Amino acid sequence: MPVMPVTYFRLLSCSLSLVLLLSHPVAASASANLKQDPRLIQAVVLNFLHVQSAGLPGQVDITLGALDARVNLPFCASLEPALPPGSRPWGNTTVIVRCSAPNPWTIYVRATVKVIADYVVSTRSLTQGHVIAPADLIIRSGDLAQLPPGIVTDPSQAIGRALTGGLPFGNPVRQDMLRAQAAVIQNQSVKLISSGRGFSVTGEGKALNNAAEGQPVQVRSASGSLVSGIARAGAIVVVSY
């Protein structure tokens, strides 16, 4: 889990202190005349971005933009942070902070969220259809927020898979450029293993479609009947009853 900066705890402490102060009846009656402390807005935004980025890999580093010193907002007892529609909680982003009562207002807070983590790049130029081997990959470290989505962060996610297109030397590997190797190929002779409660029968057949391991495949058996099963490595199709 990312280590939260000291600034975050100071802002949060400030937020809690003001909440306790306003819980006093006399202080609460005077709260209508209070102005919004910008540090509380920053604390809410910082906490919101930490929650939004909790599932991201690597180390998350959040830097908030300064609020305009000329902004003079009425105090709000319940600040509501949110991301604009279609935006992401990393990279250069903006958080909307709204107050609904007693005096509605909205402010936009800019932030930069870096996600420093390992990712996988190619050690040489690779062609379409190439099945990736360990020697084809090397690990780099950098800000994932500055890279395309779907970057492979672990070599095991790519090894043994085929490229759907060319990959130049030193380029990051993305999930959408990989496909599983076919365990069964159309018109290939396959071994049929049919099993059920108390029995198992082995036979031969011909695959009617391509299928990666674990995918469904239709097979024409030696007797001419059509059966459906699950493709396994080594041109094997398992049929369960």
Protein backbone atom coordinates (compact mmCIF):
# COMPACT_ATOMS: atom_id res chain seq x y z
CA MET A 1 0.00 0.00 0.00
CA PRO A 2 1.44 3.44 -0.90
CA VAL A 3 2.96 5.44 1.97
CA MET A 4 0.96 8.60 2.55
CA PRO A 5 3.06 11.80 2.73
CA VAL A 6 3.39 13.74 6.00
CA THR A 7 1.40 16.59 4.41
CA TYR A 8 -1.63 14.30 4.20
CA PHE A 9 -1.64 13.58 7.94
CA ARG A 10 -1.22 17.29 8.78
CA LEU A 11 -4.17 18.21 6.57
CA LEU A 12 -6.28 15.40 8.01
CA SER A 13 -5.39 16.46 11.57
CA CYS A 14 -6.45 19.99 10.73
CA SER A 15 -9.74 18.69 9.35
CA LEU A 16 -10.53 16.63 12.46
CA SER A 17 -9.66 19.51 14.79
CA LEU A 18 -12.09 21.85 13.06
CA VAL A 19 -14.85 19.23 13.11
CA LEU A 20 -14.41 18.81 16.91
CA LEU A 21 -14.42 22.58 17.38
CA LEU A 22 -17.68 22.98 15.46
CA SER A 23 -19.35 20.21 17.47
CA HIS A 24 -19.45 22.61 20.42
CA PRO A 25 -22.89 24.32 20.58
CA VAL A 26 -21.51 27.86 20.79
CA ALA A 27 -19.07 27.27 17.97
CA ALA A 28 -21.77 25.66 15.86
CA SER A 29 -24.02 28.69 16.20
CA ALA A 30 -21.25 30.89 14.86
CA SER A 31 -20.27 28.55 12.02
CA ALA A 32 -22.45 30.44 9.55
CA ASN A 33 -19.94 33.28 9.68
CA LEU A 34 -16.89 31.08 9.14
CA LYS A 35 -14.98 30.93 5.89
CA GLN A 36 -13.87 27.67 4.34
CA ASP A 37 -10.31 26.70 5.26
CA PRO A 38 -8.58 25.79 1.96
CA ARG A 39 -6.45 23.25 3.84
CA LEU A 40 -9.60 21.23 4.52
CA ILE A 41 -10.44 21.21 0.82
CA GLN A 42 -6.94 19.94 0.06
CA ALA A 43 -7.21 17.28 2.77
CA VAL A 44 -10.48 16.00 1.29
CA VAL A 45 -9.03 15.94 -2.24
CA LEU A 46 -5.85 14.17 -1.09
CA ASN A 47 -7.81 11.51 0.78
CA PHE A 48 -10.16 11.05 -2.20
CA LEU A 49 -7.27 10.51 -4.63
CA HIS A 50 -5.57 8.05 -2.27
CA VAL A 51 -8.78 6.01 -2.14
CA GLN A 52 -9.25 6.18 -5.92
CA SER A 53 -5.68 5.04 -6.58
CA ALA A 54 -5.58 2.33 -3.89
CA GLY A 55 -5.74 -0.52 -6.42
CA LEU A 56 -3.00 0.78 -8.71
CA PRO A 57 0.36 -1.03 -8.80
CA GLY A 58 3.59 0.51 -7.55
CA GLN A 59 4.08 3.68 -5.54
CA VAL A 60 1.53 6.47 -5.84
CA ASP A 61 2.75 10.06 -5.51
CA ILE A 62 0.11 12.82 -5.34
CA THR A 63 0.83 16.53 -5.77
CA LEU A 64 -2.02 19.02 -5.38
CA GLY A 65 -2.21 22.32 -7.20
CA ALA A 66 -2.40 25.45 -5.07
CA LEU A 67 -5.83 26.98 -4.49
CA ASP A 68 -6.36 30.55 -5.57
CA ALA A 69 -5.73 32.71 -2.49
CA ARG A 70 -8.47 35.08 -3.65
CA VAL A 71 -11.14 32.39 -3.30
CA ASN A 72 -13.31 33.23 -0.30
CA LEU A 73 -15.86 30.47 0.25
CA PRO A 74 -18.40 30.06 3.06
CA PHE A 75 -17.71 27.22 5.48
CA CYS A 76 -19.08 23.80 4.45
CA ALA A 77 -19.74 21.02 6.94
CA SER A 78 -19.72 18.28 4.27
CA LEU A 79 -17.35 18.50 1.33
CA GLU A 80 -18.14 16.17 -1.58
CA PRO A 81 -15.23 15.32 -3.93
CA ALA A 82 -15.74 13.71 -7.35
CA LEU A 83 -13.98 13.21 -10.67
CA PRO A 84 -15.34 14.86 -13.82
CA PRO A 85 -17.10 12.35 -16.13
CA GLY A 86 -14.64 10.34 -18.20
CA SER A 87 -11.54 11.46 -16.29
CA ARG A 88 -8.99 9.19 -14.57
CA PRO A 89 -7.60 9.40 -11.00
CA TRP A 90 -4.00 9.47 -12.27
CA GLY A 91 -1.80 11.63 -14.44
CA ASN A 92 -2.81 15.30 -14.67
CA THR A 93 -6.33 15.32 -13.31
CA THR A 94 -8.92 17.55 -11.67
CA VAL A 95 -11.14 16.89 -8.66
CA ILE A 96 -14.48 18.65 -8.26
CA VAL A 97 -15.31 19.61 -4.66
CA ARG A 98 -18.92 20.56 -4.03
CA CYS A 99 -20.77 21.98 -1.06
CA SER A 100 -24.54 21.53 -1.06
CA ALA A 101 -25.47 23.31 2.19
CA PRO A 102 -25.87 25.74 3.78
CA ASN A 103 -24.35 27.82 0.97
CA PRO A 104 -23.86 25.79 -2.23
CA TRP A 105 -20.56 26.24 -4.07
CA THR A 106 -18.19 24.29 -6.32
CA ILE A 107 -14.43 24.46 -6.70
CA TYR A 108 -12.00 22.61 -8.99
CA VAL A 109 -8.69 21.36 -7.61
CA ARG A 110 -5.91 20.31 -9.97
CA ALA A 111 -3.66 17.41 -9.07
CA THR A 112 -0.86 15.32 -10.52
CA VAL A 113 -0.90 11.62 -9.63
CA LYS A 114 2.19 9.62 -10.52
CA VAL A 115 2.17 5.82 -10.40
CA ILE A 116 5.79 4.64 -10.24
CA ALA A 117 5.95 0.92 -11.02
CA ASP A 118 7.74 -1.75 -13.06
CA TYR A 119 6.57 -2.47 -16.60
CA VAL A 120 7.72 -4.72 -19.44
CA VAL A 121 9.43 -3.64 -22.68
CA SER A 122 10.87 -5.57 -25.63
CA THR A 123 14.60 -6.31 -25.84
CA ARG A 124 14.49 -6.37 -29.66
CA SER A 125 12.11 -5.80 -32.56
CA LEU A 126 9.44 -8.50 -32.66
CA THR A 127 7.21 -9.42 -35.58
CA GLN A 128 3.50 -10.21 -35.74
CA GLY A 129 2.73 -13.75 -34.61
CA HIS A 130 5.95 -14.06 -32.62
CA VAL A 131 5.49 -16.13 -29.45
CA ILE A 132 7.10 -14.19 -26.63
CA ALA A 133 9.95 -15.84 -24.72
CA PRO A 134 11.66 -14.63 -21.51
CA ALA A 135 14.67 -13.35 -23.50
CA ASP A 136 12.36 -11.01 -25.47
CA LEU A 137 11.49 -8.96 -22.39
CA ILE A 138 13.14 -6.69 -19.86
CA ILE A 139 11.70 -4.75 -16.93
CA ARG A 140 11.79 -0.96 -16.72
CA SER A 141 10.50 1.38 -14.03
CA GLY A 142 8.58 4.57 -14.65
CA ASP A 143 5.35 6.53 -14.33
CA LEU A 144 2.51 4.34 -15.61
CA ALA A 145 0.28 7.43 -15.79
CA GLN A 146 2.38 8.62 -18.75
CA LEU A 147 2.05 5.31 -20.63
CA PRO A 148 -0.85 3.86 -22.65
CA PRO A 149 -3.50 1.91 -20.71
CA GLY A 150 -3.18 -1.86 -20.32
CA ILE A 151 0.61 -1.93 -19.90
CA VAL A 152 2.01 -5.35 -18.92
CA THR A 153 3.67 -5.08 -15.49
CA ASP A 154 4.76 -8.72 -15.07
CA PRO A 155 6.63 -10.76 -17.72
CA SER A 156 4.52 -13.84 -16.90
CA GLN A 157 1.51 -11.99 -18.36
CA ALA A 158 3.19 -12.00 -21.78
CA ILE A 159 5.46 -15.06 -21.98
CA GLY A 160 3.98 -17.79 -24.17
CA ARG A 161 1.54 -15.45 -25.89
CA ALA A 162 1.66 -14.40 -29.55
CA LEU A 163 1.83 -10.82 -30.81
CA THR A 164 -1.10 -9.50 -32.83
CA GLY A 165 1.22 -6.98 -34.51
CA GLY A 166 4.84 -5.87 -34.67
CA LEU A 167 6.59 -4.55 -31.54
CA PRO A 168 9.63 -2.26 -32.01
CA PHE A 169 12.70 -2.50 -29.79
CA GLY A 170 12.27 -0.92 -26.35
CA ASN A 171 8.50 -0.44 -26.63
CA PRO A 172 6.18 -1.27 -23.72
CA VAL A 173 4.11 -4.44 -24.07
CA ARG A 174 0.34 -3.94 -23.82
CA GLN A 175 -2.32 -6.51 -22.99
CA ASP A 176 -4.29 -5.72 -26.15
CA MET A 177 -1.39 -6.73 -28.42
CA LEU A 178 -1.21 -10.27 -27.01
CA ARG A 179 -3.25 -13.38 -27.75
CA ALA A 180 -3.08 -16.87 -26.36
CA GLN A 181 -1.60 -19.53 -28.61
CA ALA A 182 -4.10 -21.87 -30.21
CA ALA A 183 -4.22 -25.21 -28.43
CA VAL A 184 -6.39 -26.60 -31.23
CA ILE A 185 -6.35 -25.52 -34.89
CA GLN A 186 -9.23 -25.85 -37.36
CA ASN A 187 -9.13 -29.12 -39.37
CA GLN A 188 -6.48 -30.51 -37.01
CA SER A 189 -6.78 -34.11 -35.84
CA VAL A 190 -7.40 -34.06 -32.09
CA LYS A 191 -7.60 -36.53 -29.26
CA LEU A 192 -11.11 -36.69 -27.79
CA ILE A 193 -11.41 -37.52 -24.10
CA SER A 194 -15.04 -38.05 -23.09
CA SER A 195 -15.73 -38.57 -19.42
CA GLY A 196 -18.60 -38.69 -17.01
CA ARG A 197 -19.57 -40.28 -13.76
CA GLY A 198 -17.79 -43.62 -13.62
CA PHE A 199 -16.46 -43.71 -17.20
CA SER A 200 -13.81 -42.23 -19.51
CA VAL A 201 -13.54 -42.90 -23.26
CA THR A 202 -10.76 -41.83 -25.63
CA GLY A 203 -11.26 -41.32 -29.35
CA GLU A 204 -10.19 -39.30 -32.37
CA GLY A 205 -11.80 -36.42 -34.22
CA LYS A 206 -11.23 -33.31 -36.31
CA ALA A 207 -11.47 -29.78 -34.88
CA LEU A 208 -13.96 -27.47 -36.62
CA ASN A 209 -12.54 -24.19 -35.23
CA ASN A 210 -9.46 -22.66 -33.65
CA ALA A 211 -9.40 -22.47 -29.86
CA ALA A 212 -6.93 -21.40 -27.18
CA GLU A 213 -6.52 -23.55 -24.10
CA GLY A 214 -9.69 -23.48 -22.03
CA GLN A 215 -11.89 -22.24 -24.88
CA PRO A 216 -14.81 -24.21 -26.36
CA VAL A 217 -14.25 -26.14 -29.59
CA GLN A 218 -16.46 -28.27 -31.82
CA VAL A 219 -15.17 -31.61 -33.04
CA ARG A 220 -16.39 -34.03 -35.68
CA SER A 221 -15.76 -37.48 -34.21
CA ALA A 222 -14.56 -40.50 -36.20
CA SER A 223 -18.14 -41.80 -36.24
CA GLY A 224 -19.35 -38.54 -37.81
CA SER A 225 -21.16 -37.11 -34.78
CA LEU A 226 -20.66 -33.50 -33.71
CA VAL A 227 -19.50 -32.91 -30.12
CA SER A 228 -18.48 -29.83 -28.13
CA GLY A 229 -15.63 -29.77 -25.66
CA ILE A 230 -12.87 -27.70 -24.09
CA ALA A 231 -9.51 -27.30 -25.81
CA ARG A 232 -6.39 -28.40 -23.95
CA ALA A 233 -2.72 -28.07 -24.90
CA GLY A 234 -1.40 -30.79 -27.19
CA ALA A 235 -4.43 -30.99 -29.52
CA ILE A 236 -6.67 -32.50 -26.82
CA VAL A 237 -10.39 -31.85 -26.46
CA VAL A 238 -12.13 -32.77 -23.23
CA VAL A 239 -15.85 -33.56 -23.34
CA SER A 240 -17.70 -33.81 -20.04
CA TYR A 241 -21.07 -35.46 -19.52
